[in-house]
Amino acid sequence: MIRLVGVDLPNSKRIEYALTYVHGIGITTAKKIVSEANISSDTRTKDLTTEQTIELRRLLENLDLKLEGDLRRFNGLNIKRLNEINCYRGKRHRMSLPVRGQRTRTNARMKRGSKRTVTSKKK
């Protein structure tokens, strides 16, 4: 199992898709990294040589991207700032409601939680 930027990459997947397990790397960025490292896109993670692994690590260190913990911390601090200045988006984050203008009369189930049914008591 290969470990890059603190993440264990799955062995059986193609390297392009395995790189997307790193928080902050999408499929487009992963394809660019693989092409820069001169690795075939059909290569599975378990089939990588040590030289290719070292090249991937070097490329990830030299990228100007925030990855994994840095990106999570950055996003968390942004949400914390919105909460502290008491703006509309911060309030929506605090109440666990959709932030970007979606309707909540129906839908928004993931944010609002599961439906709670009211049961009537027989007297």
PDB file of N, CA and C in Angstrom:
ATOM      1  N   MET A   1       0.841  -1.179   0.000  1.00  0.00           N
ATOM      2  CA  MET A   1       0.000   0.000   0.000  1.00  0.00           C
ATOM      3  C   MET A   1       0.888   1.246   0.000  1.00  0.00           C
ATOM      4  N   ILE A   2       0.571   2.167  -0.874  1.00  0.00           N
ATOM      5  CA  ILE A   2       1.363   3.390  -1.011  1.00  0.00           C
ATOM      6  C   ILE A   2       0.710   4.489  -0.181  1.00  0.00           C
ATOM      7  N   ARG A   3       1.535   5.241   0.528  1.00  0.00           N
ATOM      8  CA  ARG A   3       1.049   6.336   1.373  1.00  0.00           C
ATOM      9  C   ARG A   3       1.607   7.651   0.831  1.00  0.00           C
ATOM     10  N   LEU A   4       0.713   8.541   0.410  1.00  0.00           N
ATOM     11  CA  LEU A   4       1.098   9.863  -0.087  1.00  0.00           C
ATOM     12  C   LEU A   4       0.354  10.922   0.714  1.00  0.00           C
ATOM     13  N   VAL A   5       1.054  11.925   1.189  1.00  0.00           N
ATOM     14  CA  VAL A   5       0.483  13.053   1.911  1.00  0.00           C
ATOM     15  C   VAL A   5      -0.405  12.582   3.070  1.00  0.00           C
ATOM     16  N   GLY A   6      -0.022  11.488   3.718  1.00  0.00           N
ATOM     17  CA  GLY A   6      -0.761  10.993   4.865  1.00  0.00           C
ATOM     18  C   GLY A   6      -1.990  10.184   4.527  1.00  0.00           C
ATOM     19  N   VAL A   7      -2.154   9.764   3.272  1.00  0.00           N
ATOM     20  CA  VAL A   7      -3.323   8.997   2.857  1.00  0.00           C
ATOM     21  C   VAL A   7      -2.863   7.684   2.228  1.00  0.00           C
ATOM     22  N   ASP A   8      -3.465   6.583   2.650  1.00  0.00           N
ATOM     23  CA  ASP A   8      -3.192   5.291   2.023  1.00  0.00           C
ATOM     24  C   ASP A   8      -4.004   5.199   0.744  1.00  0.00           C
ATOM     25  N   LEU A   9      -3.316   4.978  -0.379  1.00  0.00           N
ATOM     26  CA  LEU A   9      -4.004   4.852  -1.658  1.00  0.00           C
ATOM     27  C   LEU A   9      -4.447   3.409  -1.848  1.00  0.00           C
ATOM     28  N   PRO A  10      -5.657   3.184  -2.391  1.00  0.00           N
ATOM     29  CA  PRO A  10      -6.127   1.813  -2.619  1.00  0.00           C
ATOM     30  C   PRO A  10      -5.278   1.115  -3.680  1.00  0.00           C
ATOM     31  N   ASN A  11      -4.972  -0.156  -3.456  1.00  0.00           N
ATOM     32  CA  ASN A  11      -4.070  -0.894  -4.344  1.00  0.00           C
ATOM     33  C   ASN A  11      -4.671  -1.253  -5.688  1.00  0.00           C
ATOM     34  N   SER A  12      -5.933  -1.608  -5.727  1.00  0.00           N
ATOM     35  CA  SER A  12      -6.501  -2.181  -6.946  1.00  0.00           C
ATOM     36  C   SER A  12      -6.971  -1.134  -7.955  1.00  0.00           C
ATOM     37  N   LYS A  13      -6.984   0.127  -7.596  1.00  0.00           N
ATOM     38  CA  LYS A  13      -7.490   1.166  -8.506  1.00  0.00           C
ATOM     39  C   LYS A  13      -6.395   1.701  -9.410  1.00  0.00           C
ATOM     40  N   ARG A  14      -6.820   2.291 -10.546  1.00  0.00           N
ATOM     41  CA  ARG A  14      -5.862   2.963 -11.421  1.00  0.00           C
ATOM     42  C   ARG A  14      -5.325   4.179 -10.683  1.00  0.00           C
ATOM     43  N   ILE A  15      -4.099   4.553 -10.986  1.00  0.00           N
ATOM     44  CA  ILE A  15      -3.403   5.591 -10.217  1.00  0.00           C
ATOM     45  C   ILE A  15      -4.121   6.934 -10.294  1.00  0.00           C
ATOM     46  N   GLU A  16      -4.750   7.238 -11.438  1.00  0.00           N
ATOM     47  CA  GLU A  16      -5.479   8.513 -11.564  1.00  0.00           C
ATOM     48  C   GLU A  16      -6.607   8.606 -10.541  1.00  0.00           C
ATOM     49  N   TYR A  17      -7.332   7.512 -10.382  1.00  0.00           N
ATOM     50  CA  TYR A  17      -8.466   7.513  -9.467  1.00  0.00           C
ATOM     51  C   TYR A  17      -8.026   7.323  -8.024  1.00  0.00           C
ATOM     52  N   ALA A  18      -6.923   6.650  -7.814  1.00  0.00           N
ATOM     53  CA  ALA A  18      -6.408   6.472  -6.456  1.00  0.00           C
ATOM     54  C   ALA A  18      -5.933   7.806  -5.888  1.00  0.00           C
ATOM     55  N   LEU A  19      -5.377   8.684  -6.733  1.00  0.00           N
ATOM     56  CA  LEU A  19      -4.904   9.987  -6.258  1.00  0.00           C
ATOM     57  C   LEU A  19      -6.047  10.871  -5.779  1.00  0.00           C
ATOM     58  N   THR A  20      -7.264  10.611  -6.264  1.00  0.00           N
ATOM     59  CA  THR A  20      -8.396  11.439  -5.842  1.00  0.00           C
ATOM     60  C   THR A  20      -8.805  11.148  -4.403  1.00  0.00           C
ATOM     61  N   TYR A  21      -8.235  10.131  -3.768  1.00  0.00           N
ATOM     62  CA  TYR A  21      -8.499   9.860  -2.358  1.00  0.00           C
ATOM     63  C   TYR A  21      -7.829  10.901  -1.466  1.00  0.00           C
ATOM     64  N   VAL A  22      -6.881  11.656  -2.017  1.00  0.00           N
ATOM     65  CA  VAL A  22      -6.233  12.734  -1.275  1.00  0.00           C
ATOM     66  C   VAL A  22      -7.169  13.938  -1.320  1.00  0.00           C
ATOM     67  N   HIS A  23      -7.497  14.493  -0.157  1.00  0.00           N
ATOM     68  CA  HIS A  23      -8.405  15.636  -0.081  1.00  0.00           C
ATOM     69  C   HIS A  23      -7.740  16.828  -0.763  1.00  0.00           C
ATOM     70  N   GLY A  24      -8.388  17.360  -1.787  1.00  0.00           N
ATOM     71  CA  GLY A  24      -7.842  18.500  -2.508  1.00  0.00           C
ATOM     72  C   GLY A  24      -7.378  18.152  -3.915  1.00  0.00           C
ATOM     73  N   ILE A  25      -7.403  16.863  -4.283  1.00  0.00           N
ATOM     74  CA  ILE A  25      -7.031  16.448  -5.632  1.00  0.00           C
ATOM     75  C   ILE A  25      -8.251  15.833  -6.291  1.00  0.00           C
ATOM     76  N   GLY A  26      -8.682  16.447  -7.385  1.00  0.00           N
ATOM     77  CA  GLY A  26      -9.791  15.912  -8.167  1.00  0.00           C
ATOM     78  C   GLY A  26      -9.247  15.125  -9.342  1.00  0.00           C
ATOM     79  N   ILE A  27     -10.127  14.672 -10.202  1.00  0.00           N
ATOM     80  CA  ILE A  27      -9.712  13.820 -11.319  1.00  0.00           C
ATOM     81  C   ILE A  27      -8.854  14.588 -12.329  1.00  0.00           C
ATOM     82  N   THR A  28      -9.183  15.859 -12.581  1.00  0.00           N
ATOM     83  CA  THR A  28      -8.405  16.640 -13.541  1.00  0.00           C
ATOM     84  C   THR A  28      -6.987  16.851 -13.049  1.00  0.00           C
ATOM     85  N   THR A  29      -6.824  17.234 -11.795  1.00  0.00           N
ATOM     86  CA  THR A  29      -5.502  17.438 -11.217  1.00  0.00           C
ATOM     87  C   THR A  29      -4.739  16.126 -11.172  1.00  0.00           C
ATOM     88  N   ALA A  30      -5.419  15.035 -10.857  1.00  0.00           N
ATOM     89  CA  ALA A  30      -4.763  13.732 -10.795  1.00  0.00           C
ATOM     90  C   ALA A  30      -4.225  13.330 -12.170  1.00  0.00           C
ATOM     91  N   LYS A  31      -4.992  13.588 -13.215  1.00  0.00           N
ATOM     92  CA  LYS A  31      -4.529  13.255 -14.568  1.00  0.00           C
ATOM     93  C   LYS A  31      -3.309  14.081 -14.943  1.00  0.00           C
ATOM     94  N   LYS A  32      -3.283  15.368 -14.553  1.00  0.00           N
ATOM     95  CA  LYS A  32      -2.118  16.213 -14.832  1.00  0.00           C
ATOM     96  C   LYS A  32      -0.889  15.694 -14.093  1.00  0.00           C
ATOM     97  N   ILE A  33      -1.056  15.304 -12.834  1.00  0.00           N
ATOM     98  CA  ILE A  33       0.068  14.806 -12.031  1.00  0.00           C
ATOM     99  C   ILE A  33       0.625  13.534 -12.645  1.00  0.00           C
ATOM    100  N   VAL A  34      -0.262  12.623 -13.059  1.00  0.00           N
ATOM    101  CA  VAL A  34       0.178  11.348 -13.636  1.00  0.00           C
ATOM    102  C   VAL A  34       0.917  11.585 -14.947  1.00  0.00           C
ATOM    103  N   SER A  35       0.429  12.525 -15.763  1.00  0.00           N
ATOM    104  CA  SER A  35       1.122  12.794 -17.030  1.00  0.00           C
ATOM    105  C   SER A  35       2.478  13.463 -16.804  1.00  0.00           C
ATOM    106  N   GLU A  36       2.580  14.333 -15.795  1.00  0.00           N
ATOM    107  CA  GLU A  36       3.868  14.962 -15.481  1.00  0.00           C
ATOM    108  C   GLU A  36       4.875  13.960 -14.949  1.00  0.00           C
ATOM    109  N   ALA A  37       4.375  12.933 -14.259  1.00  0.00           N
ATOM    110  CA  ALA A  37       5.260  11.925 -13.684  1.00  0.00           C
ATOM    111  C   ALA A  37       5.631  10.853 -14.707  1.00  0.00           C
ATOM    112  N   ASN A  38       5.121  10.975 -15.929  1.00  0.00           N
ATOM    113  CA  ASN A  38       5.378  10.002 -16.999  1.00  0.00           C
ATOM    114  C   ASN A  38       4.964   8.592 -16.590  1.00  0.00           C
ATOM    115  N   ILE A  39       3.780   8.477 -16.023  1.00  0.00           N
ATOM    116  CA  ILE A  39       3.223   7.189 -15.642  1.00  0.00           C
ATOM    117  C   ILE A  39       2.036   6.921 -16.549  1.00  0.00           C
ATOM    118  N   SER A  40       1.899   5.688 -17.008  1.00  0.00           N
ATOM    119  CA  SER A  40       0.770   5.314 -17.848  1.00  0.00           C
ATOM    120  C   SER A  40      -0.511   5.408 -17.028  1.00  0.00           C
ATOM    121  N   SER A  41      -1.576   5.897 -17.664  1.00  0.00           N
ATOM    122  CA  SER A  41      -2.834   6.059 -16.933  1.00  0.00           C
ATOM    123  C   SER A  41      -3.488   4.716 -16.621  1.00  0.00           C
ATOM    124  N   ASP A  42      -3.064   3.638 -17.290  1.00  0.00           N
ATOM    125  CA  ASP A  42      -3.622   2.313 -17.031  1.00  0.00           C
ATOM    126  C   ASP A  42      -2.956   1.612 -15.852  1.00  0.00           C
ATOM    127  N   THR A  43      -1.886   2.193 -15.319  1.00  0.00           N
ATOM    128  CA  THR A  43      -1.141   1.563 -14.238  1.00  0.00           C
ATOM    129  C   THR A  43      -1.970   1.527 -12.964  1.00  0.00           C
ATOM    130  N   ARG A  44      -1.968   0.373 -12.306  1.00  0.00           N
ATOM    131  CA  ARG A  44      -2.633   0.225 -11.014  1.00  0.00           C
ATOM    132  C   ARG A  44      -1.672   0.662  -9.923  1.00  0.00           C
ATOM    133  N   THR A  45      -2.212   1.028  -8.782  1.00  0.00           N
ATOM    134  CA  THR A  45      -1.383   1.522  -7.680  1.00  0.00           C
ATOM    135  C   THR A  45      -0.387   0.466  -7.217  1.00  0.00           C
ATOM    136  N   LYS A  46      -0.809  -0.784  -7.179  1.00  0.00           N
ATOM    137  CA  LYS A  46       0.082  -1.844  -6.707  1.00  0.00           C
ATOM    138  C   LYS A  46       1.227  -2.127  -7.674  1.00  0.00           C
ATOM    139  N   ASP A  47       1.093  -1.693  -8.938  1.00  0.00           N
ATOM    140  CA  ASP A  47       2.114  -1.950  -9.946  1.00  0.00           C
ATOM    141  C   ASP A  47       3.149  -0.834 -10.062  1.00  0.00           C
ATOM    142  N   LEU A  48       3.042   0.221  -9.241  1.00  0.00           N
ATOM    143  CA  LEU A  48       3.994   1.333  -9.320  1.00  0.00           C
ATOM    144  C   LEU A  48       5.364   0.896  -8.818  1.00  0.00           C
ATOM    145  N   THR A  49       6.394   1.383  -9.500  1.00  0.00           N
ATOM    146  CA  THR A  49       7.754   1.114  -9.035  1.00  0.00           C
ATOM    147  C   THR A  49       8.132   2.142  -7.978  1.00  0.00           C
ATOM    148  N   THR A  50       9.235   1.903  -7.290  1.00  0.00           N
ATOM    149  CA  THR A  50       9.672   2.851  -6.261  1.00  0.00           C
ATOM    150  C   THR A  50      10.039   4.193  -6.868  1.00  0.00           C
ATOM    151  N   GLU A  51      10.623   4.187  -8.065  1.00  0.00           N
ATOM    152  CA  GLU A  51      10.997   5.446  -8.723  1.00  0.00           C
ATOM    153  C   GLU A  51       9.749   6.265  -9.042  1.00  0.00           C
ATOM    154  N   GLN A  52       8.707   5.599  -9.512  1.00  0.00           N
ATOM    155  CA  GLN A  52       7.469   6.305  -9.826  1.00  0.00           C
ATOM    156  C   GLN A  52       6.817   6.860  -8.562  1.00  0.00           C
ATOM    157  N   THR A  53       6.882   6.108  -7.478  1.00  0.00           N
ATOM    158  CA  THR A  53       6.328   6.578  -6.212  1.00  0.00           C
ATOM    159  C   THR A  53       7.078   7.801  -5.711  1.00  0.00           C
ATOM    160  N   ILE A  54       8.401   7.759  -5.817  1.00  0.00           N
ATOM    161  CA  ILE A  54       9.230   8.895  -5.399  1.00  0.00           C
ATOM    162  C   ILE A  54       8.914  10.118  -6.255  1.00  0.00           C
ATOM    163  N   GLU A  55       8.714   9.900  -7.553  1.00  0.00           N
ATOM    164  CA  GLU A  55       8.379  11.008  -8.459  1.00  0.00           C
ATOM    165  C   GLU A  55       7.024  11.617  -8.094  1.00  0.00           C
ATOM    166  N   LEU A  56       6.039  10.771  -7.765  1.00  0.00           N
ATOM    167  CA  LEU A  56       4.727  11.279  -7.353  1.00  0.00           C
ATOM    168  C   LEU A  56       4.840  12.111  -6.078  1.00  0.00           C
ATOM    169  N   ARG A  57       5.615  11.623  -5.098  1.00  0.00           N
ATOM    170  CA  ARG A  57       5.800  12.380  -3.852  1.00  0.00           C
ATOM    171  C   ARG A  57       6.438  13.731  -4.127  1.00  0.00           C
ATOM    172  N   ARG A  58       7.454  13.742  -4.998  1.00  0.00           N
ATOM    173  CA  ARG A  58       8.142  14.990  -5.324  1.00  0.00           C
ATOM    174  C   ARG A  58       7.182  15.974  -5.987  1.00  0.00           C
ATOM    175  N   LEU A  59       6.369  15.492  -6.923  1.00  0.00           N
ATOM    176  CA  LEU A  59       5.414  16.366  -7.606  1.00  0.00           C
ATOM    177  C   LEU A  59       4.370  16.933  -6.639  1.00  0.00           C
ATOM    178  N   LEU A  60       3.888  16.095  -5.725  1.00  0.00           N
ATOM    179  CA  LEU A  60       2.883  16.564  -4.768  1.00  0.00           C
ATOM    180  C   LEU A  60       3.460  17.600  -3.804  1.00  0.00           C
ATOM    181  N   GLU A  61       4.738  17.450  -3.441  1.00  0.00           N
ATOM    182  CA  GLU A  61       5.366  18.436  -2.555  1.00  0.00           C
ATOM    183  C   GLU A  61       5.576  19.765  -3.264  1.00  0.00           C
ATOM    184  N   ASN A  62       5.861  19.725  -4.575  1.00  0.00           N
ATOM    185  CA  ASN A  62       6.162  20.949  -5.317  1.00  0.00           C
ATOM    186  C   ASN A  62       4.917  21.660  -5.842  1.00  0.00           C
ATOM    187  N   LEU A  63       3.753  21.034  -5.739  1.00  0.00           N
ATOM    188  CA  LEU A  63       2.523  21.689  -6.183  1.00  0.00           C
ATOM    189  C   LEU A  63       2.179  22.844  -5.259  1.00  0.00           C
ATOM    190  N   ASP A  64       1.573  23.873  -5.816  1.00  0.00           N
ATOM    191  CA  ASP A  64       1.133  25.011  -5.009  1.00  0.00           C
ATOM    192  C   ASP A  64      -0.312  24.818  -4.562  1.00  0.00           C
ATOM    193  N   LEU A  65      -0.655  23.594  -4.176  1.00  0.00           N
ATOM    194  CA  LEU A  65      -2.011  23.289  -3.724  1.00  0.00           C
ATOM    195  C   LEU A  65      -2.005  23.002  -2.233  1.00  0.00           C
ATOM    196  N   LYS A  66      -3.116  23.341  -1.591  1.00  0.00           N
ATOM    197  CA  LYS A  66      -3.299  22.920  -0.204  1.00  0.00           C
ATOM    198  C   LYS A  66      -3.931  21.543  -0.258  1.00  0.00           C
ATOM    199  N   LEU A  67      -3.335  20.598   0.445  1.00  0.00           N
ATOM    200  CA  LEU A  67      -3.839  19.234   0.435  1.00  0.00           C
ATOM    201  C   LEU A  67      -4.097  18.764   1.854  1.00  0.00           C
ATOM    202  N   GLU A  68      -4.997  17.804   1.974  1.00  0.00           N
ATOM    203  CA  GLU A  68      -5.321  17.128   3.228  1.00  0.00           C
ATOM    204  C   GLU A  68      -5.511  18.061   4.408  1.00  0.00           C
ATOM    205  N   GLY A  69      -4.672  17.968   5.434  1.00  0.00           N
ATOM    206  CA  GLY A  69      -4.877  18.699   6.685  1.00  0.00           C
ATOM    207  C   GLY A  69      -4.880  20.205   6.517  1.00  0.00           C
ATOM    208  N   ASP A  70      -3.987  20.717   5.660  1.00  0.00           N
ATOM    209  CA  ASP A  70      -3.934  22.166   5.440  1.00  0.00           C
ATOM    210  C   ASP A  70      -5.242  22.675   4.833  1.00  0.00           C
ATOM    211  N   LEU A  71      -5.772  21.927   3.861  1.00  0.00           N
ATOM    212  CA  LEU A  71      -7.011  22.341   3.209  1.00  0.00           C
ATOM    213  C   LEU A  71      -8.195  22.245   4.163  1.00  0.00           C
ATOM    214  N   ARG A  72      -8.243  21.175   4.951  1.00  0.00           N
ATOM    215  CA  ARG A  72      -9.335  21.018   5.918  1.00  0.00           C
ATOM    216  C   ARG A  72      -9.296  22.139   6.960  1.00  0.00           C
ATOM    217  N   ARG A  73      -8.095  22.479   7.419  1.00  0.00           N
ATOM    218  CA  ARG A  73      -7.931  23.551   8.398  1.00  0.00           C
ATOM    219  C   ARG A  73      -8.343  24.888   7.786  1.00  0.00           C
ATOM    220  N   PHE A  74      -7.936  25.140   6.541  1.00  0.00           N
ATOM    221  CA  PHE A  74      -8.266  26.371   5.836  1.00  0.00           C
ATOM    222  C   PHE A  74      -9.783  26.540   5.723  1.00  0.00           C
ATOM    223  N   ASN A  75     -10.475  25.460   5.308  1.00  0.00           N
ATOM    224  CA  ASN A  75     -11.933  25.520   5.173  1.00  0.00           C
ATOM    225  C   ASN A  75     -12.606  25.701   6.522  1.00  0.00           C
ATOM    226  N   GLY A  76     -12.098  25.007   7.527  1.00  0.00           N
ATOM    227  CA  GLY A  76     -12.664  25.144   8.870  1.00  0.00           C
ATOM    228  C   GLY A  76     -12.527  26.547   9.415  1.00  0.00           C
ATOM    229  N   LEU A  77     -11.367  27.171   9.166  1.00  0.00           N
ATOM    230  CA  LEU A  77     -11.153  28.542   9.632  1.00  0.00           C
ATOM    231  C   LEU A  77     -12.049  29.534   8.901  1.00  0.00           C
ATOM    232  N   ASN A  78     -12.312  29.277   7.621  1.00  0.00           N
ATOM    233  CA  ASN A  78     -13.221  30.154   6.870  1.00  0.00           C
ATOM    234  C   ASN A  78     -14.631  30.097   7.443  1.00  0.00           C
ATOM    235  N   ILE A  79     -15.100  28.894   7.763  1.00  0.00           N
ATOM    236  CA  ILE A  79     -16.430  28.756   8.345  1.00  0.00           C
ATOM    237  C   ILE A  79     -16.471  29.382   9.730  1.00  0.00           C
ATOM    238  N   LYS A  80     -15.401  29.220  10.493  1.00  0.00           N
ATOM    239  CA  LYS A  80     -15.338  29.818  11.826  1.00  0.00           C
ATOM    240  C   LYS A  80     -15.383  31.346  11.736  1.00  0.00           C
ATOM    241  N   ARG A  81     -14.693  31.914  10.750  1.00  0.00           N
ATOM    242  CA  ARG A  81     -14.713  33.364  10.555  1.00  0.00           C
ATOM    243  C   ARG A  81     -16.119  33.844  10.225  1.00  0.00           C
ATOM    244  N   LEU A  82     -16.832  33.111   9.351  1.00  0.00           N
ATOM    245  CA  LEU A  82     -18.202  33.486   9.018  1.00  0.00           C
ATOM    246  C   LEU A  82     -19.096  33.449  10.253  1.00  0.00           C
ATOM    247  N   ASN A  83     -18.884  32.460  11.114  1.00  0.00           N
ATOM    248  CA  ASN A  83     -19.665  32.375  12.352  1.00  0.00           C
ATOM    249  C   ASN A  83     -19.370  33.545  13.278  1.00  0.00           C
ATOM    250  N   GLU A  84     -18.105  33.907  13.381  1.00  0.00           N
ATOM    251  CA  GLU A  84     -17.710  34.967  14.309  1.00  0.00           C
ATOM    252  C   GLU A  84     -18.226  36.338  13.902  1.00  0.00           C
ATOM    253  N   ILE A  85     -18.245  36.628  12.596  1.00  0.00           N
ATOM    254  CA  ILE A  85     -18.712  37.944  12.168  1.00  0.00           C
ATOM    255  C   ILE A  85     -20.235  37.996  12.090  1.00  0.00           C
ATOM    256  N   ASN A  86     -20.869  36.850  12.376  1.00  0.00           N
ATOM    257  CA  ASN A  86     -22.320  36.780  12.491  1.00  0.00           C
ATOM    258  C   ASN A  86     -23.031  37.163  11.192  1.00  0.00           C
ATOM    259  N   CYS A  87     -22.485  36.758  10.068  1.00  0.00           N
ATOM    260  CA  CYS A  87     -23.131  37.054   8.794  1.00  0.00           C
ATOM    261  C   CYS A  87     -24.170  35.975   8.483  1.00  0.00           C
ATOM    262  N   TYR A  88     -24.915  36.172   7.428  1.00  0.00           N
ATOM    263  CA  TYR A  88     -26.002  35.267   7.066  1.00  0.00           C
ATOM    264  C   TYR A  88     -25.474  33.849   6.835  1.00  0.00           C
ATOM    265  N   ARG A  89     -24.405  33.740   6.075  1.00  0.00           N
ATOM    266  CA  ARG A  89     -23.844  32.409   5.795  1.00  0.00           C
ATOM    267  C   ARG A  89     -23.370  31.729   7.069  1.00  0.00           C
ATOM    268  N   GLY A  90     -22.807  32.507   7.980  1.00  0.00           N
ATOM    269  CA  GLY A  90     -22.368  31.948   9.255  1.00  0.00           C
ATOM    270  C   GLY A  90     -23.537  31.418  10.069  1.00  0.00           C
ATOM    271  N   LYS A  91     -24.640  32.164  10.064  1.00  0.00           N
ATOM    272  CA  LYS A  91     -25.834  31.715  10.794  1.00  0.00           C
ATOM    273  C   LYS A  91     -26.372  30.429  10.198  1.00  0.00           C
ATOM    274  N   ARG A  92     -26.380  30.335   8.866  1.00  0.00           N
ATOM    275  CA  ARG A  92     -26.870  29.124   8.209  1.00  0.00           C
ATOM    276  C   ARG A  92     -25.979  27.927   8.553  1.00  0.00           C
ATOM    277  N   HIS A  93     -24.665  28.140   8.599  1.00  0.00           N
ATOM    278  CA  HIS A  93     -23.757  27.063   9.004  1.00  0.00           C
ATOM    279  C   HIS A  93     -24.066  26.626  10.428  1.00  0.00           C
ATOM    280  N   ARG A  94     -24.267  27.596  11.311  1.00  0.00           N
ATOM    281  CA  ARG A  94     -24.534  27.316  12.719  1.00  0.00           C
ATOM    282  C   ARG A  94     -25.817  26.501  12.903  1.00  0.00           C
ATOM    283  N   MET A  95     -26.849  26.822  12.108  1.00  0.00           N
ATOM    284  CA  MET A  95     -28.131  26.141  12.250  1.00  0.00           C
ATOM    285  C   MET A  95     -28.202  24.858  11.416  1.00  0.00           C
ATOM    286  N   SER A  96     -27.118  24.517  10.746  1.00  0.00           N
ATOM    287  CA  SER A  96     -27.063  23.330   9.872  1.00  0.00           C
ATOM    288  C   SER A  96     -28.149  23.368   8.813  1.00  0.00           C
ATOM    289  N   LEU A  97     -28.235  24.492   8.122  1.00  0.00           N
ATOM    290  CA  LEU A  97     -29.167  24.656   7.015  1.00  0.00           C
ATOM    291  C   LEU A  97     -28.373  24.948   5.750  1.00  0.00           C
ATOM    292  N   PRO A  98     -28.981  24.789   4.561  1.00  0.00           N
ATOM    293  CA  PRO A  98     -28.268  25.081   3.321  1.00  0.00           C
ATOM    294  C   PRO A  98     -27.817  26.535   3.281  1.00  0.00           C
ATOM    295  N   VAL A  99     -26.603  26.769   2.799  1.00  0.00           N
ATOM    296  CA  VAL A  99     -25.985  28.080   2.851  1.00  0.00           C
ATOM    297  C   VAL A  99     -26.196  28.858   1.559  1.00  0.00           C
ATOM    298  N   ARG A 100     -26.335  28.174   0.448  1.00  0.00           N
ATOM    299  CA  ARG A 100     -26.278  28.850  -0.849  1.00  0.00           C
ATOM    300  C   ARG A 100     -27.623  29.079  -1.520  1.00  0.00           C
ATOM    301  N   GLY A 101     -28.649  29.342  -0.730  1.00  0.00           N
ATOM    302  CA  GLY A 101     -29.916  29.780  -1.302  1.00  0.00           C
ATOM    303  C   GLY A 101     -30.864  28.687  -1.735  1.00  0.00           C
ATOM    304  N   GLN A 102     -30.599  27.436  -1.378  1.00  0.00           N
ATOM    305  CA  GLN A 102     -31.525  26.377  -1.766  1.00  0.00           C
ATOM    306  C   GLN A 102     -32.795  26.463  -0.931  1.00  0.00           C
ATOM    307  N   ARG A 103     -33.867  25.871  -1.450  1.00  0.00           N
ATOM    308  CA  ARG A 103     -35.127  25.900  -0.719  1.00  0.00           C
ATOM    309  C   ARG A 103     -35.090  24.894   0.420  1.00  0.00           C
ATOM    310  N   THR A 104     -35.822  25.195   1.481  1.00  0.00           N
ATOM    311  CA  THR A 104     -35.848  24.280   2.620  1.00  0.00           C
ATOM    312  C   THR A 104     -37.260  23.852   2.990  1.00  0.00           C
ATOM    313  N   ARG A 105     -38.259  24.383   2.290  1.00  0.00           N
ATOM    314  CA  ARG A 105     -39.630  23.977   2.621  1.00  0.00           C
ATOM    315  C   ARG A 105     -39.807  22.484   2.348  1.00  0.00           C
ATOM    316  N   THR A 106     -39.306  22.051   1.213  1.00  0.00           N
ATOM    317  CA  THR A 106     -39.194  20.619   0.946  1.00  0.00           C
ATOM    318  C   THR A 106     -37.722  20.367   0.639  1.00  0.00           C
ATOM    319  N   ASN A 107     -37.332  19.140   0.661  1.00  0.00           N
ATOM    320  CA  ASN A 107     -35.938  18.745   0.409  1.00  0.00           C
ATOM    321  C   ASN A 107     -35.012  19.249   1.515  1.00  0.00           C
ATOM    322  N   ALA A 108     -33.739  19.383   1.257  1.00  0.00           N
ATOM    323  CA  ALA A 108     -32.726  19.739   2.260  1.00  0.00           C
ATOM    324  C   ALA A 108     -32.691  18.717   3.385  1.00  0.00           C
ATOM    325  N   ARG A 109     -33.018  17.465   3.085  1.00  0.00           N
ATOM    326  CA  ARG A 109     -33.078  16.421   4.099  1.00  0.00           C
ATOM    327  C   ARG A 109     -31.710  16.110   4.687  1.00  0.00           C
ATOM    328  N   MET A 110     -30.664  16.142   3.895  1.00  0.00           N
ATOM    329  CA  MET A 110     -29.334  15.808   4.408  1.00  0.00           C
ATOM    330  C   MET A 110     -28.905  16.826   5.460  1.00  0.00           C
ATOM    331  N   LYS A 111     -29.153  18.071   5.221  1.00  0.00           N
ATOM    332  CA  LYS A 111     -28.753  19.111   6.159  1.00  0.00           C
ATOM    333  C   LYS A 111     -29.647  19.153   7.385  1.00  0.00           C
ATOM    334  N   ARG A 112     -30.972  19.025   7.176  1.00  0.00           N
ATOM    335  CA  ARG A 112     -31.912  19.179   8.278  1.00  0.00           C
ATOM    336  C   ARG A 112     -32.070  17.913   9.100  1.00  0.00           C
ATOM    337  N   GLY A 113     -31.626  16.787   8.600  1.00  0.00           N
ATOM    338  CA  GLY A 113     -31.775  15.535   9.330  1.00  0.00           C
ATOM    339  C   GLY A 113     -33.007  14.780   8.884  1.00  0.00           C
ATOM    340  N   SER A 114     -33.194  13.587   9.422  1.00  0.00           N
ATOM    341  CA  SER A 114     -34.312  12.761   8.994  1.00  0.00           C
ATOM    342  C   SER A 114     -35.627  13.316   9.519  1.00  0.00           C
ATOM    343  N   LYS A 115     -36.722  12.929   8.845  1.00  0.00           N
ATOM    344  CA  LYS A 115     -38.049  13.391   9.254  1.00  0.00           C
ATOM    345  C   LYS A 115     -38.391  12.812  10.605  1.00  0.00           C
ATOM    346  N   ARG A 116     -38.956  13.640  11.451  1.00  0.00           N
ATOM    347  CA  ARG A 116     -39.451  13.164  12.733  1.00  0.00           C
ATOM    348  C   ARG A 116     -40.962  13.130  12.650  1.00  0.00           C
ATOM    349  N   THR A 117     -41.518  11.971  12.760  1.00  0.00           N
ATOM    350  CA  THR A 117     -42.990  11.864  12.663  1.00  0.00           C
ATOM    351  C   THR A 117     -43.579  12.043  14.049  1.00  0.00           C
ATOM    352  N   VAL A 118     -44.670  12.768  14.098  1.00  0.00           N
ATOM    353  CA  VAL A 118     -45.372  13.012  15.347  1.00  0.00           C
ATOM    354  C   VAL A 118     -46.401  11.922  15.542  1.00  0.00           C
ATOM    355  N   THR A 119     -46.328  11.231  16.651  1.00  0.00           N
ATOM    356  CA  THR A 119     -47.308  10.181  16.929  1.00  0.00           C
ATOM    357  C   THR A 119     -48.348  10.722  17.915  1.00  0.00           C
ATOM    358  N   SER A 120     -49.587  10.412  17.649  1.00  0.00           N
ATOM    359  CA  SER A 120     -50.649  10.881  18.553  1.00  0.00           C
ATOM    360  C   SER A 120     -50.918   9.817  19.611  1.00  0.00           C
ATOM    361  N   LYS A 121     -51.166  10.276  20.823  1.00  0.00           N
ATOM    362  CA  LYS A 121     -51.440   9.360  21.920  1.00  0.00           C
ATOM    363  C   LYS A 121     -52.941   9.132  22.035  1.00  0.00           C
ATOM    364  N   LYS A 122     -53.326   7.888  22.221  1.00  0.00           N
ATOM    365  CA  LYS A 122     -54.742   7.588  22.403  1.00  0.00           C
ATOM    366  C   LYS A 122     -55.125   7.835  23.856  1.00  0.00           C
ATOM    367  N   LYS A 123     -56.284   8.428  24.062  1.00  0.00           N
ATOM    368  CA  LYS A 123     -56.742   8.716  25.427  1.00  0.00           C
ATOM    369  C   LYS A 123     -57.895   7.851  25.809  1.00  0.00           C
TER     370      LYS A 123
END
